PDB file of N, CA and C in Angstrom:
ATOM      1  N   UNK A   1      67.898 109.218 102.030  1.00  0.00           N
ATOM      2  CA  UNK A   1      69.228 108.916 102.708  1.00  0.00           C
ATOM      3  C   UNK A   1      69.486 107.498 102.591  1.00  0.00           C
ATOM      4  N   UNK A   2      70.706 107.169 102.253  1.00  0.00           N
ATOM      5  CA  UNK A   2      71.205 105.745 102.093  1.00  0.00           C
ATOM      6  C   UNK A   2      72.616 105.754 102.889  1.00  0.00           C
ATOM      7  N   UNK A   3      72.693 104.609 103.504  1.00  0.00           N
ATOM      8  CA  UNK A   3      74.104 104.369 104.206  1.00  0.00           C
ATOM      9  C   UNK A   3      74.953 103.436 103.333  1.00  0.00           C
ATOM     10  N   UNK A   4      76.061 103.970 102.831  1.00  0.00           N
ATOM     11  CA  UNK A   4      76.857 103.303 101.952  1.00  0.00           C
ATOM     12  C   UNK A   4      77.395 101.872 102.674  1.00  0.00           C
ATOM     13  N   UNK A   5      77.358 100.923 101.950  1.00  0.00           N
ATOM     14  CA  UNK A   5      77.952  99.597 102.491  1.00  0.00           C
ATOM     15  C   UNK A   5      79.349  99.510 102.535  1.00  0.00           C
ATOM     16  N   UNK A   6      80.009 100.321 101.820  1.00  0.00           N
ATOM     17  CA  UNK A   6      81.495 100.335 101.621  1.00  0.00           C
ATOM     18  C   UNK A   6      82.057 101.074 102.783  1.00  0.00           C
ATOM     19  N   UNK A   7      81.798 102.357 102.843  1.00  0.00           N
ATOM     20  CA  UNK A   7      82.386 103.279 103.834  1.00  0.00           C
ATOM     21  C   UNK A   7      81.575 103.511 105.126  1.00  0.00           C
ATOM     22  N   UNK A   8      80.320 103.215 105.019  1.00  0.00           N
ATOM     23  CA  UNK A   8      79.517 103.506 106.263  1.00  0.00           C
ATOM     24  C   UNK A   8      79.004 104.903 106.493  1.00  0.00           C
ATOM     25  N   UNK A   9      79.333 105.808 105.530  1.00  0.00           N
ATOM     26  CA  UNK A   9      78.752 107.096 105.581  1.00  0.00           C
ATOM     27  C   UNK A   9      77.423 107.293 104.995  1.00  0.00           C
ATOM     28  N   UNK A  10      76.656 108.281 105.356  1.00  0.00           N
ATOM     29  CA  UNK A  10      75.322 108.423 104.786  1.00  0.00           C
ATOM     30  C   UNK A  10      75.412 109.433 103.553  1.00  0.00           C
ATOM     31  N   UNK A  11      74.515 109.211 102.606  1.00  0.00           N
ATOM     32  CA  UNK A  11      74.379 110.028 101.496  1.00  0.00           C
ATOM     33  C   UNK A  11      73.133 110.598 101.227  1.00  0.00           C
ATOM     34  N   UNK A  12      72.987 111.819 101.196  1.00  0.00           N
ATOM     35  CA  UNK A  12      71.594 112.406 100.898  1.00  0.00           C
ATOM     36  C   UNK A  12      71.183 112.387  99.458  1.00  0.00           C
ATOM     37  N   UNK A  13      70.980 111.075  98.989  1.00  0.00           N
ATOM     38  CA  UNK A  13      70.596 110.911  97.552  1.00  0.00           C
ATOM     39  C   UNK A  13      68.986 110.903  97.335  1.00  0.00           C
ATOM     40  N   UNK A  14      68.275 111.023  98.334  1.00  0.00           N
ATOM     41  CA  UNK A  14      66.895 110.971  98.244  1.00  0.00           C
ATOM     42  C   UNK A  14      66.237 109.527  98.146  1.00  0.00           C
ATOM     43  N   UNK A  15      65.002 109.465  97.774  1.00  0.00           N
ATOM     44  CA  UNK A  15      64.325 108.108  97.796  1.00  0.00           C
ATOM     45  C   UNK A  15      64.650 107.394  96.527  1.00  0.00           C
ATOM     46  N   UNK A  16      65.051 108.140  95.352  1.00  0.00           N
ATOM     47  CA  UNK A  16      65.321 107.602  94.151  1.00  0.00           C
ATOM     48  C   UNK A  16      66.679 107.520  93.873  1.00  0.00           C
ATOM     49  N   UNK A  17      67.460 106.284  93.808  1.00  0.00           N
ATOM     50  CA  UNK A  17      68.847 106.282  93.483  1.00  0.00           C
ATOM     51  C   UNK A  17      68.987 105.655  92.140  1.00  0.00           C
ATOM     52  N   UNK A  18      69.636 106.352  91.248  1.00  0.00           N
ATOM     53  CA  UNK A  18      69.832 105.697  89.867  1.00  0.00           C
ATOM     54  C   UNK A  18      70.958 104.756  89.925  1.00  0.00           C
ATOM     55  N   UNK A  19      70.925 103.864  88.780  1.00  0.00           N
ATOM     56  CA  UNK A  19      71.822 102.808  88.699  1.00  0.00           C
ATOM     57  C   UNK A  19      73.394 103.259  88.779  1.00  0.00           C
ATOM     58  N   UNK A  20      73.552 104.389  88.262  1.00  0.00           N
ATOM     59  CA  UNK A  20      74.939 104.946  88.179  1.00  0.00           C
ATOM     60  C   UNK A  20      75.436 105.833  89.288  1.00  0.00           C
ATOM     61  N   UNK A  21      74.462 105.947  90.263  1.00  0.00           N
ATOM     62  CA  UNK A  21      74.941 106.957  91.329  1.00  0.00           C
ATOM     63  C   UNK A  21      75.976 106.255  92.185  1.00  0.00           C
ATOM     64  N   UNK A  22      76.949 107.154  92.731  1.00  0.00           N
ATOM     65  CA  UNK A  22      77.939 106.607  93.535  1.00  0.00           C
ATOM     66  C   UNK A  22      78.042 107.495  94.757  1.00  0.00           C
ATOM     67  N   UNK A  23      78.564 106.787  95.747  1.00  0.00           N
ATOM     68  CA  UNK A  23      78.877 107.431  97.205  1.00  0.00           C
ATOM     69  C   UNK A  23      79.739 108.703  96.962  1.00  0.00           C
ATOM     70  N   UNK A  24      79.326 109.847  97.475  1.00  0.00           N
ATOM     71  CA  UNK A  24      80.170 111.107  97.334  1.00  0.00           C
ATOM     72  C   UNK A  24      81.522 110.912  98.296  1.00  0.00           C
ATOM     73  N   UNK A  25      81.414 109.954  99.096  1.00  0.00           N
ATOM     74  CA  UNK A  25      82.566 109.788 100.056  1.00  0.00           C
ATOM     75  C   UNK A  25      83.686 108.977  99.602  1.00  0.00           C
ATOM     76  N   UNK A  26      83.244 107.739  99.101  1.00  0.00           N
ATOM     77  CA  UNK A  26      84.215 106.676  98.641  1.00  0.00           C
ATOM     78  C   UNK A  26      84.192 106.370  97.169  1.00  0.00           C
ATOM     79  N   UNK A  27      83.034 106.856  96.551  1.00  0.00           N
ATOM     80  CA  UNK A  27      83.015 106.618  95.120  1.00  0.00           C
ATOM     81  C   UNK A  27      82.351 105.204  94.715  1.00  0.00           C
ATOM     82  N   UNK A  28      82.013 104.477  95.685  1.00  0.00           N
ATOM     83  CA  UNK A  28      81.451 103.032  95.441  1.00  0.00           C
ATOM     84  C   UNK A  28      79.992 103.198  94.879  1.00  0.00           C
ATOM     85  N   UNK A  29      79.533 102.428  94.152  1.00  0.00           N
ATOM     86  CA  UNK A  29      78.207 102.232  93.722  1.00  0.00           C
ATOM     87  C   UNK A  29      77.106 102.193  94.842  1.00  0.00           C
ATOM     88  N   UNK A  30      76.038 103.028  94.732  1.00  0.00           N
ATOM     89  CA  UNK A  30      75.050 103.072  95.688  1.00  0.00           C
ATOM     90  C   UNK A  30      73.747 102.082  95.388  1.00  0.00           C
ATOM     91  N   UNK A  31      73.485 102.013  94.041  1.00  0.00           N
ATOM     92  CA  UNK A  31      72.355 101.065  93.801  1.00  0.00           C
ATOM     93  C   UNK A  31      72.777  99.606  93.705  1.00  0.00           C
ATOM     94  N   UNK A  32      73.076  99.129  94.832  1.00  0.00           N
ATOM     95  CA  UNK A  32      73.578  97.641  95.063  1.00  0.00           C
ATOM     96  C   UNK A  32      72.705  97.057  96.028  1.00  0.00           C
ATOM     97  N   UNK A  33      72.798  95.660  96.021  1.00  0.00           N
ATOM     98  CA  UNK A  33      71.957  94.989  97.004  1.00  0.00           C
ATOM     99  C   UNK A  33      72.264  95.172  98.498  1.00  0.00           C
ATOM    100  N   UNK A  34      73.461  95.364  98.792  1.00  0.00           N
ATOM    101  CA  UNK A  34      73.851  95.632 100.186  1.00  0.00           C
ATOM    102  C   UNK A  34      73.346  96.954 100.685  1.00  0.00           C
ATOM    103  N   UNK A  35      72.977  97.895  99.799  1.00  0.00           N
ATOM    104  CA  UNK A  35      72.270  98.991 100.290  1.00  0.00           C
ATOM    105  C   UNK A  35      70.796  99.128 100.226  1.00  0.00           C
ATOM    106  N   UNK A  36      70.306  98.075 100.001  1.00  0.00           N
ATOM    107  CA  UNK A  36      68.930  97.836  99.701  1.00  0.00           C
ATOM    108  C   UNK A  36      68.142  97.426 100.981  1.00  0.00           C
ATOM    109  N   UNK A  37      66.901  97.936 101.181  1.00  0.00           N
ATOM    110  CA  UNK A  37      66.123  97.577 102.316  1.00  0.00           C
ATOM    111  C   UNK A  37      65.617  96.074 102.277  1.00  0.00           C
ATOM    112  N   UNK A  38      65.560  95.531 101.036  1.00  0.00           N
ATOM    113  CA  UNK A  38      65.238  94.137 100.855  1.00  0.00           C
ATOM    114  C   UNK A  38      66.275  93.113 101.078  1.00  0.00           C
ATOM    115  N   UNK A  39      67.514  93.685 101.137  1.00  0.00           N
ATOM    116  CA  UNK A  39      68.662  92.625 101.238  1.00  0.00           C
ATOM    117  C   UNK A  39      68.525  91.871 102.684  1.00  0.00           C
ATOM    118  N   UNK A  40      68.638  90.642 102.457  1.00  0.00           N
ATOM    119  CA  UNK A  40      68.625  89.702 103.668  1.00  0.00           C
ATOM    120  C   UNK A  40      69.510  88.544 103.272  1.00  0.00           C
ATOM    121  N   UNK A  41      70.689  88.321 103.935  1.00  0.00           N
ATOM    122  CA  UNK A  41      71.483  87.247 103.678  1.00  0.00           C
ATOM    123  C   UNK A  41      70.932  85.861 104.036  1.00  0.00           C
ATOM    124  N   UNK A  42      69.895  85.857 104.797  1.00  0.00           N
ATOM    125  CA  UNK A  42      69.275  84.696 105.136  1.00  0.00           C
ATOM    126  C   UNK A  42      68.058  84.276 104.285  1.00  0.00           C
ATOM    127  N   UNK A  43      67.761  85.034 103.394  1.00  0.00           N
ATOM    128  CA  UNK A  43      66.583  84.875 102.598  1.00  0.00           C
ATOM    129  C   UNK A  43      66.984  84.192 101.184  1.00  0.00           C
ATOM    130  N   UNK A  44      66.058  83.644 100.506  1.00  0.00           N
ATOM    131  CA  UNK A  44      66.255  83.053  99.205  1.00  0.00           C
ATOM    132  C   UNK A  44      66.798  84.066  98.255  1.00  0.00           C
ATOM    133  N   UNK A  45      67.854  83.759  97.612  1.00  0.00           N
ATOM    134  CA  UNK A  45      68.602  84.860  96.649  1.00  0.00           C
ATOM    135  C   UNK A  45      69.063  85.947  97.480  1.00  0.00           C
ATOM    136  N   UNK A  46      69.170  85.983  98.800  1.00  0.00           N
ATOM    137  CA  UNK A  46      69.516  86.950  99.742  1.00  0.00           C
ATOM    138  C   UNK A  46      68.674  88.261  99.469  1.00  0.00           C
ATOM    139  N   UNK A  47      67.335  88.017  99.231  1.00  0.00           N
ATOM    140  CA  UNK A  47      66.502  89.176  98.978  1.00  0.00           C
ATOM    141  C   UNK A  47      65.074  88.906  99.481  1.00  0.00           C
ATOM    142  N   UNK A  48      64.367  89.802 100.256  1.00  0.00           N
ATOM    143  CA  UNK A  48      63.179  89.471 100.771  1.00  0.00           C
ATOM    144  C   UNK A  48      62.041  89.879  99.724  1.00  0.00           C
ATOM    145  N   UNK A  49      62.382  90.402  98.663  1.00  0.00           N
ATOM    146  CA  UNK A  49      61.324  90.766  97.531  1.00  0.00           C
ATOM    147  C   UNK A  49      61.351  89.502  96.660  1.00  0.00           C
ATOM    148  N   UNK A  50      60.267  88.745  96.753  1.00  0.00           N
ATOM    149  CA  UNK A  50      60.062  87.517  96.073  1.00  0.00           C
ATOM    150  C   UNK A  50      60.024  87.596  94.604  1.00  0.00           C
ATOM    151  N   UNK A  51      59.639  88.761  94.049  1.00  0.00           N
ATOM    152  CA  UNK A  51      59.573  88.869  92.536  1.00  0.00           C
ATOM    153  C   UNK A  51      60.823  89.398  91.862  1.00  0.00           C
ATOM    154  N   UNK A  52      61.794  89.800  92.755  1.00  0.00           N
ATOM    155  CA  UNK A  52      63.015  90.325  92.131  1.00  0.00           C
ATOM    156  C   UNK A  52      63.866  89.282  91.503  1.00  0.00           C
ATOM    157  N   UNK A  53      64.466  89.677  90.359  1.00  0.00           N
ATOM    158  CA  UNK A  53      65.355  88.713  89.684  1.00  0.00           C
ATOM    159  C   UNK A  53      66.683  88.607  90.609  1.00  0.00           C
ATOM    160  N   UNK A  54      67.329  87.450  90.336  1.00  0.00           N
ATOM    161  CA  UNK A  54      68.509  87.171  91.152  1.00  0.00           C
ATOM    162  C   UNK A  54      69.738  88.016  90.761  1.00  0.00           C
ATOM    163  N   UNK A  55      70.351  88.472  91.717  1.00  0.00           N
ATOM    164  CA  UNK A  55      71.573  89.297  91.411  1.00  0.00           C
ATOM    165  C   UNK A  55      72.770  88.663  92.061  1.00  0.00           C
ATOM    166  N   UNK A  56      73.746  88.289  91.076  1.00  0.00           N
ATOM    167  CA  UNK A  56      74.864  87.569  91.626  1.00  0.00           C
ATOM    168  C   UNK A  56      75.922  88.361  92.294  1.00  0.00           C
ATOM    169  N   UNK A  57      76.176  89.506  91.948  1.00  0.00           N
ATOM    170  CA  UNK A  57      77.133  90.421  92.359  1.00  0.00           C
ATOM    171  C   UNK A  57      76.518  91.430  93.277  1.00  0.00           C
ATOM    172  N   UNK A  58      76.376  91.207  94.603  1.00  0.00           N
ATOM    173  CA  UNK A  58      75.609  92.123  95.450  1.00  0.00           C
ATOM    174  C   UNK A  58      76.248  93.416  95.649  1.00  0.00           C
ATOM    175  N   UNK A  59      77.611  93.650  95.363  1.00  0.00           N
ATOM    176  CA  UNK A  59      78.160  94.806  95.602  1.00  0.00           C
ATOM    177  C   UNK A  59      78.377  95.636  94.407  1.00  0.00           C
ATOM    178  N   UNK A  60      77.770  95.298  93.368  1.00  0.00           N
ATOM    179  CA  UNK A  60      77.813  95.992  92.012  1.00  0.00           C
ATOM    180  C   UNK A  60      76.545  96.583  91.731  1.00  0.00           C
ATOM    181  N   UNK A  61      76.539  97.698  90.981  1.00  0.00           N
ATOM    182  CA  UNK A  61      75.400  98.367  90.509  1.00  0.00           C
ATOM    183  C   UNK A  61      74.523  97.429  89.616  1.00  0.00           C
ATOM    184  N   UNK A  62      73.222  97.540  89.929  1.00  0.00           N
ATOM    185  CA  UNK A  62      72.291  96.620  89.148  1.00  0.00           C
ATOM    186  C   UNK A  62      70.953  97.331  88.725  1.00  0.00           C
ATOM    187  N   UNK A  63      70.071  96.576  87.939  1.00  0.00           N
ATOM    188  CA  UNK A  63      69.012  97.228  87.391  1.00  0.00           C
ATOM    189  C   UNK A  63      67.685  96.836  88.145  1.00  0.00           C
ATOM    190  N   UNK A  64      67.812  96.335  89.376  1.00  0.00           N
ATOM    191  CA  UNK A  64      66.602  95.836  89.986  1.00  0.00           C
ATOM    192  C   UNK A  64      65.666  96.952  90.294  1.00  0.00           C
ATOM    193  N   UNK A  65      64.381  96.593  89.779  1.00  0.00           N
ATOM    194  CA  UNK A  65      63.338  97.625  89.934  1.00  0.00           C
ATOM    195  C   UNK A  65      62.749  97.739  91.383  1.00  0.00           C
ATOM    196  N   UNK A  66      63.086  96.683  92.143  1.00  0.00           N
ATOM    197  CA  UNK A  66      62.593  96.768  93.579  1.00  0.00           C
ATOM    198  C   UNK A  66      63.557  97.391  94.659  1.00  0.00           C
ATOM    199  N   UNK A  67      64.665  97.952  94.121  1.00  0.00           N
ATOM    200  CA  UNK A  67      65.606  98.626  95.010  1.00  0.00           C
ATOM    201  C   UNK A  67      64.919  99.654  95.735  1.00  0.00           C
ATOM    202  N   UNK A  68      65.250  99.686  97.117  1.00  0.00           N
ATOM    203  CA  UNK A  68      64.777 100.615  98.036  1.00  0.00           C
ATOM    204  C   UNK A  68      65.966 101.050  98.943  1.00  0.00           C
ATOM    205  N   UNK A  69      66.354 102.396  98.981  1.00  0.00           N
ATOM    206  CA  UNK A  69      67.503 102.693  99.874  1.00  0.00           C
ATOM    207  C   UNK A  69      67.303 102.329 101.277  1.00  0.00           C
ATOM    208  N   UNK A  70      68.420 101.783 101.913  1.00  0.00           N
ATOM    209  CA  UNK A  70      68.319 101.390 103.265  1.00  0.00           C
ATOM    210  C   UNK A  70      69.187 102.349 104.136  1.00  0.00           C
ATOM    211  N   UNK A  71      68.802 102.701 105.341  1.00  0.00           N
ATOM    212  CA  UNK A  71      69.687 103.380 106.200  1.00  0.00           C
ATOM    213  C   UNK A  71      70.420 102.629 107.207  1.00  0.00           C
ATOM    214  N   UNK A  72      70.399 101.194 106.965  1.00  0.00           N
ATOM    215  CA  UNK A  72      71.193 100.210 107.703  1.00  0.00           C
ATOM    216  C   UNK A  72      71.933  99.093 106.818  1.00  0.00           C
ATOM    217  N   UNK A  73      72.610  99.646 105.957  1.00  0.00           N
ATOM    218  CA  UNK A  73      73.288  98.751 104.908  1.00  0.00           C
ATOM    219  C   UNK A  73      74.175  97.699 105.594  1.00  0.00           C
ATOM    220  N   UNK A  74      74.298  96.639 104.915  1.00  0.00           N
ATOM    221  CA  UNK A  74      75.210  95.499 105.346  1.00  0.00           C
ATOM    222  C   UNK A  74      76.707  95.953 105.099  1.00  0.00           C
ATOM    223  N   UNK A  75      77.470  96.075 106.123  1.00  0.00           N
ATOM    224  CA  UNK A  75      78.802  96.478 105.917  1.00  0.00           C
ATOM    225  C   UNK A  75      79.605  95.205 105.493  1.00  0.00           C
ATOM    226  N   UNK A  76      80.096  95.263 104.369  1.00  0.00           N
ATOM    227  CA  UNK A  76      80.890  94.095 103.880  1.00  0.00           C
ATOM    228  C   UNK A  76      82.183  93.761 104.739  1.00  0.00           C
ATOM    229  N   UNK A  77      82.861  94.719 105.106  1.00  0.00           N
ATOM    230  CA  UNK A  77      84.059  94.547 105.943  1.00  0.00           C
ATOM    231  C   UNK A  77      83.877  93.896 107.351  1.00  0.00           C
ATOM    232  N   UNK A  78      82.564  94.016 107.867  1.00  0.00           N
ATOM    233  CA  UNK A  78      82.505  93.591 109.251  1.00  0.00           C
ATOM    234  C   UNK A  78      82.518  92.023 109.337  1.00  0.00           C
ATOM    235  N   UNK A  79      82.068  91.304 108.373  1.00  0.00           N
ATOM    236  CA  UNK A  79      82.189  89.861 108.394  1.00  0.00           C
ATOM    237  C   UNK A  79      83.656  89.475 108.159  1.00  0.00           C
ATOM    238  N   UNK A  80      84.356  90.189 107.393  1.00  0.00           N
ATOM    239  CA  UNK A  80      85.856  89.872 107.271  1.00  0.00           C
ATOM    240  C   UNK A  80      86.599  90.105 108.544  1.00  0.00           C
ATOM    241  N   UNK A  81      86.250  91.202 109.213  1.00  0.00           N
ATOM    242  CA  UNK A  81      86.830  91.478 110.572  1.00  0.00           C
ATOM    243  C   UNK A  81      86.619  90.361 111.547  1.00  0.00           C
ATOM    244  N   UNK A  82      85.296  89.925 111.511  1.00  0.00           N
ATOM    245  CA  UNK A  82      85.078  88.727 112.451  1.00  0.00           C
ATOM    246  C   UNK A  82      85.810  87.431 112.185  1.00  0.00           C
ATOM    247  N   UNK A  83      85.863  87.221 110.773  1.00  0.00           N
ATOM    248  CA  UNK A  83      86.662  85.964 110.357  1.00  0.00           C
ATOM    249  C   UNK A  83      88.104  86.142 110.784  1.00  0.00           C
ATOM    250  N   UNK A  84      88.681  87.290 110.543  1.00  0.00           N
ATOM    251  CA  UNK A  84      90.055  87.620 110.765  1.00  0.00           C
ATOM    252  C   UNK A  84      90.414  87.458 112.319  1.00  0.00           C
ATOM    253  N   UNK A  85      89.410  87.979 113.076  1.00  0.00           N
ATOM    254  CA  UNK A  85      89.666  87.897 114.667  1.00  0.00           C
ATOM    255  C   UNK A  85      89.599  86.400 115.067  1.00  0.00           C
ATOM    256  N   UNK A  86      88.587  85.668 114.421  1.00  0.00           N
ATOM    257  CA  UNK A  86      88.548  84.265 114.777  1.00  0.00           C
ATOM    258  C   UNK A  86      89.644  83.438 114.403  1.00  0.00           C
ATOM    259  N   UNK A  87      90.300  83.746 113.259  1.00  0.00           N
ATOM    260  CA  UNK A  87      91.512  83.089 112.709  1.00  0.00           C
ATOM    261  C   UNK A  87      92.704  83.334 113.690  1.00  0.00           C
ATOM    262  N   UNK A  88      92.765  84.591 114.199  1.00  0.00           N
ATOM    263  CA  UNK A  88      93.761  85.008 115.208  1.00  0.00           C
ATOM    264  C   UNK A  88      93.717  84.200 116.392  1.00  0.00           C
ATOM    265  N   UNK A  89      92.519  84.090 116.938  1.00  0.00           N
ATOM    266  CA  UNK A  89      92.246  83.370 118.072  1.00  0.00           C
ATOM    267  C   UNK A  89      92.587  81.925 117.952  1.00  0.00           C
ATOM    268  N   UNK A  90      92.056  81.343 116.885  1.00  0.00           N
ATOM    269  CA  UNK A  90      92.478  79.952 116.590  1.00  0.00           C
ATOM    270  C   UNK A  90      93.960  79.713 116.547  1.00  0.00           C
ATOM    271  N   UNK A  91      94.649  80.660 115.889  1.00  0.00           N
ATOM    272  CA  UNK A  91      96.183  80.559 115.735  1.00  0.00           C
ATOM    273  C   UNK A  91      96.807  80.596 117.163  1.00  0.00           C
ATOM    274  N   UNK A  92      96.226  81.573 118.016  1.00  0.00           N
ATOM    275  CA  UNK A  92      96.849  81.804 119.300  1.00  0.00           C
ATOM    276  C   UNK A  92      96.629  80.478 120.156  1.00  0.00           C
ATOM    277  N   UNK A  93      95.508  79.852 120.058  1.00  0.00           N
ATOM    278  CA  UNK A  93      95.172  78.642 120.909  1.00  0.00           C
ATOM    279  C   UNK A  93      95.603  77.310 120.169  1.00  0.00           C
ATOM    280  N   UNK A  94      96.123  77.542 118.893  1.00  0.00           N
ATOM    281  CA  UNK A  94      96.633  76.319 118.110  1.00  0.00           C
ATOM    282  C   UNK A  94      95.436  75.319 117.874  1.00  0.00           C
ATOM    283  N   UNK A  95      94.322  76.012 117.460  1.00  0.00           N
ATOM    284  CA  UNK A  95      93.209  75.186 116.976  1.00  0.00           C
ATOM    285  C   UNK A  95      93.305  74.913 115.554  1.00  0.00           C
ATOM    286  N   UNK A  96      93.197  73.593 115.204  1.00  0.00           N
ATOM    287  CA  UNK A  96      93.441  73.250 113.780  1.00  0.00           C
ATOM    288  C   UNK A  96      92.298  73.635 112.786  1.00  0.00           C
TER     289      UNK A  96
END
């Protein structure tokens, strides 16, 4: 089972997710860094697996051999929502 980083819905794809597999709900790629157990935005190259090659586009399908499906994917839209809310508050209180 993997949680899609794009729509937040679970997919019963099993333990092995191929590079070309997509979410049955939204059609987004599943074999991406954001859906990986090793993804960590605070780690070097944003990956806890030290031997993995660097992946620049974390939301695009990749060939990483260390990919492991995660049931707690990083939701890309959540950071944007926080930033938007902060910008609205700053505008409300006229913060430069």
